[in-house]
Amino acid sequence: MCIFCKIIEGSIPCQKLYEDEEVLAFHDVSPQGPVHFLVIPKRHIPHILEAEQDILGNLLFRAQKIAGALGCAEKGARFVINCKADGGQTVDHLHIHVIGGRPLSWPPG
C-alpha cells in the first residue's frame, strides 16, 4: 500500500484541507513555499496516464478552489503533476502539487 493510500485510510496523519468522497487535499510535509499542498484521488491511480477525465477535472477544480482560499488568487501559483520516474514522480499515486505564496522561477530547480 502506498503512502497516500495510508493517508487516505487514516493510518498516517495529515493536515487536511479538504475531503469528499473522491478527493483528499492536505498540506505537503516538505513545503517548497508558503503555500504547498497536494490534491489526490482517494482511489489509487498510479499516474496521470491512467486517469479518466472526470477525476482529473475534479482534482484540478478542487486544487484551484483551495489555492484561491489560501491566498493565491491574486498573484498565482504553480500546479504540478509529475508522471513516472522520468517526470519526477516519487509516489506512485496520482497527485497535484500546488505551490504558491512566493515568486517561482522557470525552469524549476
N, C-alpha and C. Protein backbone atom coordinates (compact mmCIF):
# COMPACT_ATOMS: atom_id res chain seq x y z
N MET A 1 0.85 -1.18 0.00
CA MET A 1 0.00 0.00 0.00
C MET A 1 0.90 1.24 0.00
N CYS A 2 0.61 2.20 -0.87
CA CYS A 2 1.44 3.40 -0.97
C CYS A 2 1.15 4.37 0.18
N ILE A 3 2.06 5.32 0.37
CA ILE A 3 1.92 6.27 1.48
C ILE A 3 0.63 7.09 1.38
N PHE A 4 0.21 7.45 0.15
CA PHE A 4 -1.01 8.24 0.02
C PHE A 4 -2.24 7.40 0.36
N CYS A 5 -2.22 6.12 0.02
CA CYS A 5 -3.33 5.24 0.40
C CYS A 5 -3.41 5.10 1.93
N LYS A 6 -2.25 5.09 2.59
CA LYS A 6 -2.23 5.03 4.06
C LYS A 6 -2.75 6.33 4.66
N ILE A 7 -2.46 7.45 4.02
CA ILE A 7 -3.02 8.73 4.48
C ILE A 7 -4.54 8.73 4.31
N ILE A 8 -5.01 8.24 3.18
CA ILE A 8 -6.46 8.19 2.91
C ILE A 8 -7.17 7.32 3.95
N GLU A 9 -6.59 6.17 4.29
CA GLU A 9 -7.24 5.27 5.27
C GLU A 9 -7.09 5.77 6.71
N GLY A 10 -6.20 6.75 6.93
CA GLY A 10 -6.06 7.33 8.26
C GLY A 10 -4.93 6.75 9.10
N SER A 11 -4.16 5.80 8.56
CA SER A 11 -3.07 5.23 9.36
C SER A 11 -1.84 6.13 9.41
N ILE A 12 -1.75 7.09 8.49
CA ILE A 12 -0.73 8.14 8.54
C ILE A 12 -1.48 9.46 8.61
N PRO A 13 -1.17 10.29 9.62
CA PRO A 13 -1.89 11.57 9.75
C PRO A 13 -1.46 12.59 8.70
N CYS A 14 -2.34 13.54 8.44
CA CYS A 14 -2.03 14.65 7.54
C CYS A 14 -2.78 15.88 8.02
N GLN A 15 -2.37 17.03 7.51
CA GLN A 15 -3.08 18.28 7.79
C GLN A 15 -4.07 18.50 6.66
N LYS A 16 -5.28 18.01 6.84
CA LYS A 16 -6.31 18.07 5.80
C LYS A 16 -6.75 19.49 5.51
N LEU A 17 -6.92 19.74 4.23
CA LEU A 17 -7.51 20.99 3.77
C LEU A 17 -8.91 20.77 3.23
N TYR A 18 -9.14 19.58 2.65
CA TYR A 18 -10.42 19.29 2.02
C TYR A 18 -10.55 17.78 1.88
N GLU A 19 -11.79 17.30 1.99
CA GLU A 19 -12.06 15.90 1.73
C GLU A 19 -13.50 15.74 1.30
N ASP A 20 -13.70 14.92 0.27
CA ASP A 20 -15.03 14.47 -0.13
C ASP A 20 -14.93 12.99 -0.49
N GLU A 21 -15.92 12.45 -1.15
CA GLU A 21 -15.91 11.01 -1.44
C GLU A 21 -14.85 10.60 -2.46
N GLU A 22 -14.35 11.53 -3.28
CA GLU A 22 -13.37 11.20 -4.33
C GLU A 22 -11.99 11.80 -4.11
N VAL A 23 -11.88 12.89 -3.35
CA VAL A 23 -10.67 13.71 -3.31
C VAL A 23 -10.25 13.99 -1.87
N LEU A 24 -8.93 14.03 -1.67
CA LEU A 24 -8.36 14.47 -0.40
C LEU A 24 -7.27 15.50 -0.71
N ALA A 25 -7.27 16.61 0.01
CA ALA A 25 -6.23 17.63 -0.14
C ALA A 25 -5.62 17.88 1.24
N PHE A 26 -4.29 18.00 1.25
CA PHE A 26 -3.59 18.19 2.52
C PHE A 26 -2.28 18.94 2.29
N HIS A 27 -1.77 19.56 3.36
CA HIS A 27 -0.51 20.28 3.29
C HIS A 27 0.64 19.32 3.02
N ASP A 28 1.61 19.74 2.21
CA ASP A 28 2.81 18.95 1.95
C ASP A 28 3.68 18.94 3.21
N VAL A 29 4.29 17.80 3.51
CA VAL A 29 5.13 17.70 4.72
C VAL A 29 6.49 18.37 4.53
N SER A 30 6.85 18.66 3.28
CA SER A 30 8.12 19.35 2.99
C SER A 30 7.83 20.51 2.05
N PRO A 31 7.19 21.56 2.57
CA PRO A 31 6.72 22.63 1.69
C PRO A 31 7.84 23.39 0.98
N GLN A 32 7.58 23.72 -0.28
CA GLN A 32 8.52 24.47 -1.11
C GLN A 32 8.12 25.94 -1.24
N GLY A 33 7.14 26.35 -0.48
CA GLY A 33 6.68 27.73 -0.47
C GLY A 33 5.72 27.92 0.68
N PRO A 34 5.31 29.17 0.94
CA PRO A 34 4.34 29.43 1.99
C PRO A 34 3.03 28.65 1.80
N VAL A 35 2.66 28.42 0.55
CA VAL A 35 1.53 27.56 0.22
C VAL A 35 2.09 26.36 -0.53
N HIS A 36 1.86 25.18 -0.03
CA HIS A 36 2.23 23.94 -0.75
C HIS A 36 1.34 22.84 -0.23
N PHE A 37 0.44 22.40 -1.09
CA PHE A 37 -0.46 21.32 -0.72
C PHE A 37 -0.59 20.34 -1.86
N LEU A 38 -1.11 19.16 -1.54
CA LEU A 38 -1.34 18.10 -2.52
C LEU A 38 -2.83 17.83 -2.62
N VAL A 39 -3.26 17.49 -3.82
CA VAL A 39 -4.63 17.06 -4.06
C VAL A 39 -4.53 15.69 -4.70
N ILE A 40 -5.16 14.69 -4.09
CA ILE A 40 -5.06 13.31 -4.57
C ILE A 40 -6.44 12.68 -4.71
N PRO A 41 -6.57 11.72 -5.63
CA PRO A 41 -7.81 10.94 -5.67
C PRO A 41 -7.79 9.92 -4.54
N LYS A 42 -8.93 9.65 -3.97
CA LYS A 42 -9.00 8.63 -2.93
C LYS A 42 -8.85 7.23 -3.50
N ARG A 43 -9.19 7.08 -4.75
CA ARG A 43 -9.00 5.80 -5.44
C ARG A 43 -7.55 5.76 -5.92
N HIS A 44 -6.87 4.64 -5.73
CA HIS A 44 -5.47 4.54 -6.15
C HIS A 44 -5.37 4.53 -7.68
N ILE A 45 -4.79 5.59 -8.20
CA ILE A 45 -4.48 5.72 -9.63
C ILE A 45 -2.99 6.00 -9.67
N PRO A 46 -2.19 5.12 -10.30
CA PRO A 46 -0.74 5.26 -10.23
C PRO A 46 -0.18 6.57 -10.79
N HIS A 47 -0.74 7.06 -11.89
CA HIS A 47 -0.22 8.29 -12.51
C HIS A 47 -1.25 8.86 -13.46
N ILE A 48 -0.97 10.05 -13.97
CA ILE A 48 -1.94 10.77 -14.81
C ILE A 48 -2.28 10.02 -16.10
N LEU A 49 -1.36 9.22 -16.61
CA LEU A 49 -1.63 8.49 -17.85
C LEU A 49 -2.68 7.40 -17.69
N GLU A 50 -3.04 7.08 -16.46
CA GLU A 50 -4.09 6.09 -16.21
C GLU A 50 -5.38 6.72 -15.66
N ALA A 51 -5.43 8.04 -15.62
CA ALA A 51 -6.59 8.73 -15.04
C ALA A 51 -7.65 9.01 -16.10
N GLU A 52 -8.89 9.04 -15.66
CA GLU A 52 -10.00 9.37 -16.53
C GLU A 52 -10.37 10.84 -16.38
N GLN A 53 -11.08 11.34 -17.36
CA GLN A 53 -11.41 12.77 -17.45
C GLN A 53 -12.12 13.29 -16.22
N ASP A 54 -13.08 12.53 -15.70
CA ASP A 54 -13.88 13.04 -14.58
C ASP A 54 -13.04 13.29 -13.33
N ILE A 55 -12.13 12.38 -13.00
CA ILE A 55 -11.32 12.59 -11.80
C ILE A 55 -10.30 13.70 -12.01
N LEU A 56 -9.76 13.82 -13.22
CA LEU A 56 -8.81 14.91 -13.49
C LEU A 56 -9.49 16.26 -13.33
N GLY A 57 -10.68 16.38 -13.86
CA GLY A 57 -11.43 17.63 -13.71
C GLY A 57 -11.72 17.94 -12.25
N ASN A 58 -12.10 16.92 -11.50
CA ASN A 58 -12.42 17.10 -10.09
C ASN A 58 -11.17 17.52 -9.30
N LEU A 59 -10.04 16.86 -9.56
CA LEU A 59 -8.79 17.20 -8.86
C LEU A 59 -8.37 18.64 -9.17
N LEU A 60 -8.39 19.02 -10.44
CA LEU A 60 -7.97 20.38 -10.81
C LEU A 60 -8.93 21.44 -10.28
N PHE A 61 -10.22 21.16 -10.33
CA PHE A 61 -11.19 22.10 -9.80
C PHE A 61 -10.95 22.33 -8.31
N ARG A 62 -10.78 21.24 -7.57
CA ARG A 62 -10.56 21.37 -6.14
C ARG A 62 -9.24 22.10 -5.86
N ALA A 63 -8.20 21.81 -6.63
CA ALA A 63 -6.90 22.47 -6.45
C ALA A 63 -7.02 23.97 -6.62
N GLN A 64 -7.74 24.41 -7.65
CA GLN A 64 -7.86 25.86 -7.88
C GLN A 64 -8.71 26.52 -6.80
N LYS A 65 -9.73 25.85 -6.30
CA LYS A 65 -10.55 26.42 -5.22
C LYS A 65 -9.73 26.57 -3.93
N ILE A 66 -8.96 25.56 -3.59
CA ILE A 66 -8.15 25.63 -2.37
C ILE A 66 -7.06 26.68 -2.52
N ALA A 67 -6.41 26.74 -3.68
CA ALA A 67 -5.38 27.75 -3.92
C ALA A 67 -5.94 29.15 -3.71
N GLY A 68 -7.12 29.39 -4.23
CA GLY A 68 -7.76 30.68 -4.04
C GLY A 68 -8.05 30.97 -2.58
N ALA A 69 -8.53 29.97 -1.87
CA ALA A 69 -8.85 30.14 -0.45
C ALA A 69 -7.60 30.39 0.39
N LEU A 70 -6.44 29.92 -0.08
CA LEU A 70 -5.19 30.10 0.65
C LEU A 70 -4.42 31.34 0.19
N GLY A 71 -5.07 32.19 -0.60
CA GLY A 71 -4.48 33.48 -0.94
C GLY A 71 -3.72 33.56 -2.25
N CYS A 72 -3.85 32.56 -3.10
CA CYS A 72 -3.10 32.56 -4.36
C CYS A 72 -3.88 33.13 -5.54
N ALA A 73 -5.10 33.58 -5.34
CA ALA A 73 -5.91 34.05 -6.46
C ALA A 73 -5.33 35.29 -7.13
N GLU A 74 -4.77 36.19 -6.35
CA GLU A 74 -4.29 37.44 -6.92
C GLU A 74 -2.96 37.28 -7.66
N LYS A 75 -1.98 36.63 -7.04
CA LYS A 75 -0.65 36.55 -7.64
C LYS A 75 -0.35 35.24 -8.34
N GLY A 76 -1.14 34.20 -8.09
CA GLY A 76 -0.96 32.93 -8.79
C GLY A 76 -0.25 31.86 -7.99
N ALA A 77 -0.09 30.71 -8.63
CA ALA A 77 0.54 29.54 -8.03
C ALA A 77 0.98 28.61 -9.14
N ARG A 78 1.75 27.62 -8.78
CA ARG A 78 2.16 26.59 -9.74
C ARG A 78 1.40 25.30 -9.42
N PHE A 79 0.82 24.71 -10.46
CA PHE A 79 0.10 23.45 -10.36
C PHE A 79 0.94 22.41 -11.10
N VAL A 80 1.40 21.37 -10.39
CA VAL A 80 2.36 20.42 -10.95
C VAL A 80 1.83 19.00 -10.82
N ILE A 81 1.92 18.25 -11.93
CA ILE A 81 1.63 16.81 -11.90
C ILE A 81 2.84 16.11 -12.51
N ASN A 82 3.63 15.44 -11.67
CA ASN A 82 4.75 14.65 -12.16
C ASN A 82 4.23 13.28 -12.58
N CYS A 83 4.87 12.69 -13.60
CA CYS A 83 4.40 11.40 -14.12
C CYS A 83 5.57 10.44 -14.33
N LYS A 84 5.55 9.36 -13.61
CA LYS A 84 6.54 8.28 -13.69
C LYS A 84 7.95 8.79 -13.37
N ALA A 85 8.92 7.90 -13.43
CA ALA A 85 10.29 8.21 -12.99
C ALA A 85 10.91 9.37 -13.76
N ASP A 86 10.82 9.36 -15.09
CA ASP A 86 11.43 10.44 -15.87
C ASP A 86 10.76 11.78 -15.64
N GLY A 87 9.51 11.77 -15.22
CA GLY A 87 8.79 13.00 -14.93
C GLY A 87 8.96 13.48 -13.49
N GLY A 88 9.72 12.74 -12.70
CA GLY A 88 9.98 13.15 -11.33
C GLY A 88 8.98 12.66 -10.29
N GLN A 89 8.11 11.73 -10.67
CA GLN A 89 7.12 11.23 -9.72
C GLN A 89 7.80 10.31 -8.71
N THR A 90 7.64 10.61 -7.41
CA THR A 90 8.27 9.81 -6.37
C THR A 90 7.29 8.95 -5.59
N VAL A 91 6.00 9.25 -5.66
CA VAL A 91 4.97 8.42 -5.05
C VAL A 91 4.05 7.97 -6.18
N ASP A 92 3.91 6.65 -6.34
CA ASP A 92 3.10 6.11 -7.44
C ASP A 92 1.62 6.15 -7.12
N HIS A 93 1.13 7.36 -6.96
CA HIS A 93 -0.30 7.64 -6.73
C HIS A 93 -0.49 9.04 -7.30
N LEU A 94 -1.38 9.18 -8.26
CA LEU A 94 -1.63 10.47 -8.89
C LEU A 94 -1.80 11.57 -7.84
N HIS A 95 -1.11 12.68 -8.03
CA HIS A 95 -1.27 13.82 -7.12
C HIS A 95 -0.87 15.11 -7.82
N ILE A 96 -1.53 16.18 -7.40
CA ILE A 96 -1.22 17.52 -7.89
C ILE A 96 -0.56 18.27 -6.75
N HIS A 97 0.62 18.83 -7.03
CA HIS A 97 1.24 19.76 -6.10
C HIS A 97 0.75 21.15 -6.46
N VAL A 98 0.38 21.94 -5.48
CA VAL A 98 0.08 23.36 -5.69
C VAL A 98 1.02 24.14 -4.78
N ILE A 99 1.84 25.00 -5.42
CA ILE A 99 2.85 25.76 -4.70
C ILE A 99 2.63 27.24 -5.00
N GLY A 100 2.59 28.05 -3.96
CA GLY A 100 2.39 29.48 -4.15
C GLY A 100 2.83 30.26 -2.94
N GLY A 101 2.47 31.54 -2.97
CA GLY A 101 2.83 32.42 -1.86
C GLY A 101 4.20 33.06 -1.99
N ARG A 102 4.88 32.79 -3.11
CA ARG A 102 6.18 33.41 -3.41
C ARG A 102 6.41 33.32 -4.90
N PRO A 103 7.27 34.18 -5.46
CA PRO A 103 7.61 34.08 -6.88
C PRO A 103 8.34 32.76 -7.17
N LEU A 104 7.99 32.13 -8.26
CA LEU A 104 8.60 30.87 -8.68
C LEU A 104 9.28 31.08 -10.03
N SER A 105 10.46 30.53 -10.19
CA SER A 105 11.18 30.68 -11.45
C SER A 105 10.96 29.48 -12.36
N TRP A 106 11.36 29.65 -13.61
CA TRP A 106 11.28 28.54 -14.57
C TRP A 106 12.56 28.51 -15.38
N PRO A 107 13.17 27.40 -15.61
CA PRO A 107 12.72 26.08 -15.12
C PRO A 107 12.99 25.93 -13.64
N PRO A 108 12.22 25.05 -13.00
CA PRO A 108 12.40 24.84 -11.56
C PRO A 108 13.73 24.17 -11.26
N GLY A 109 14.23 24.41 -10.07
CA GLY A 109 15.43 23.75 -9.55
C GLY A 109 16.56 23.86 -10.47
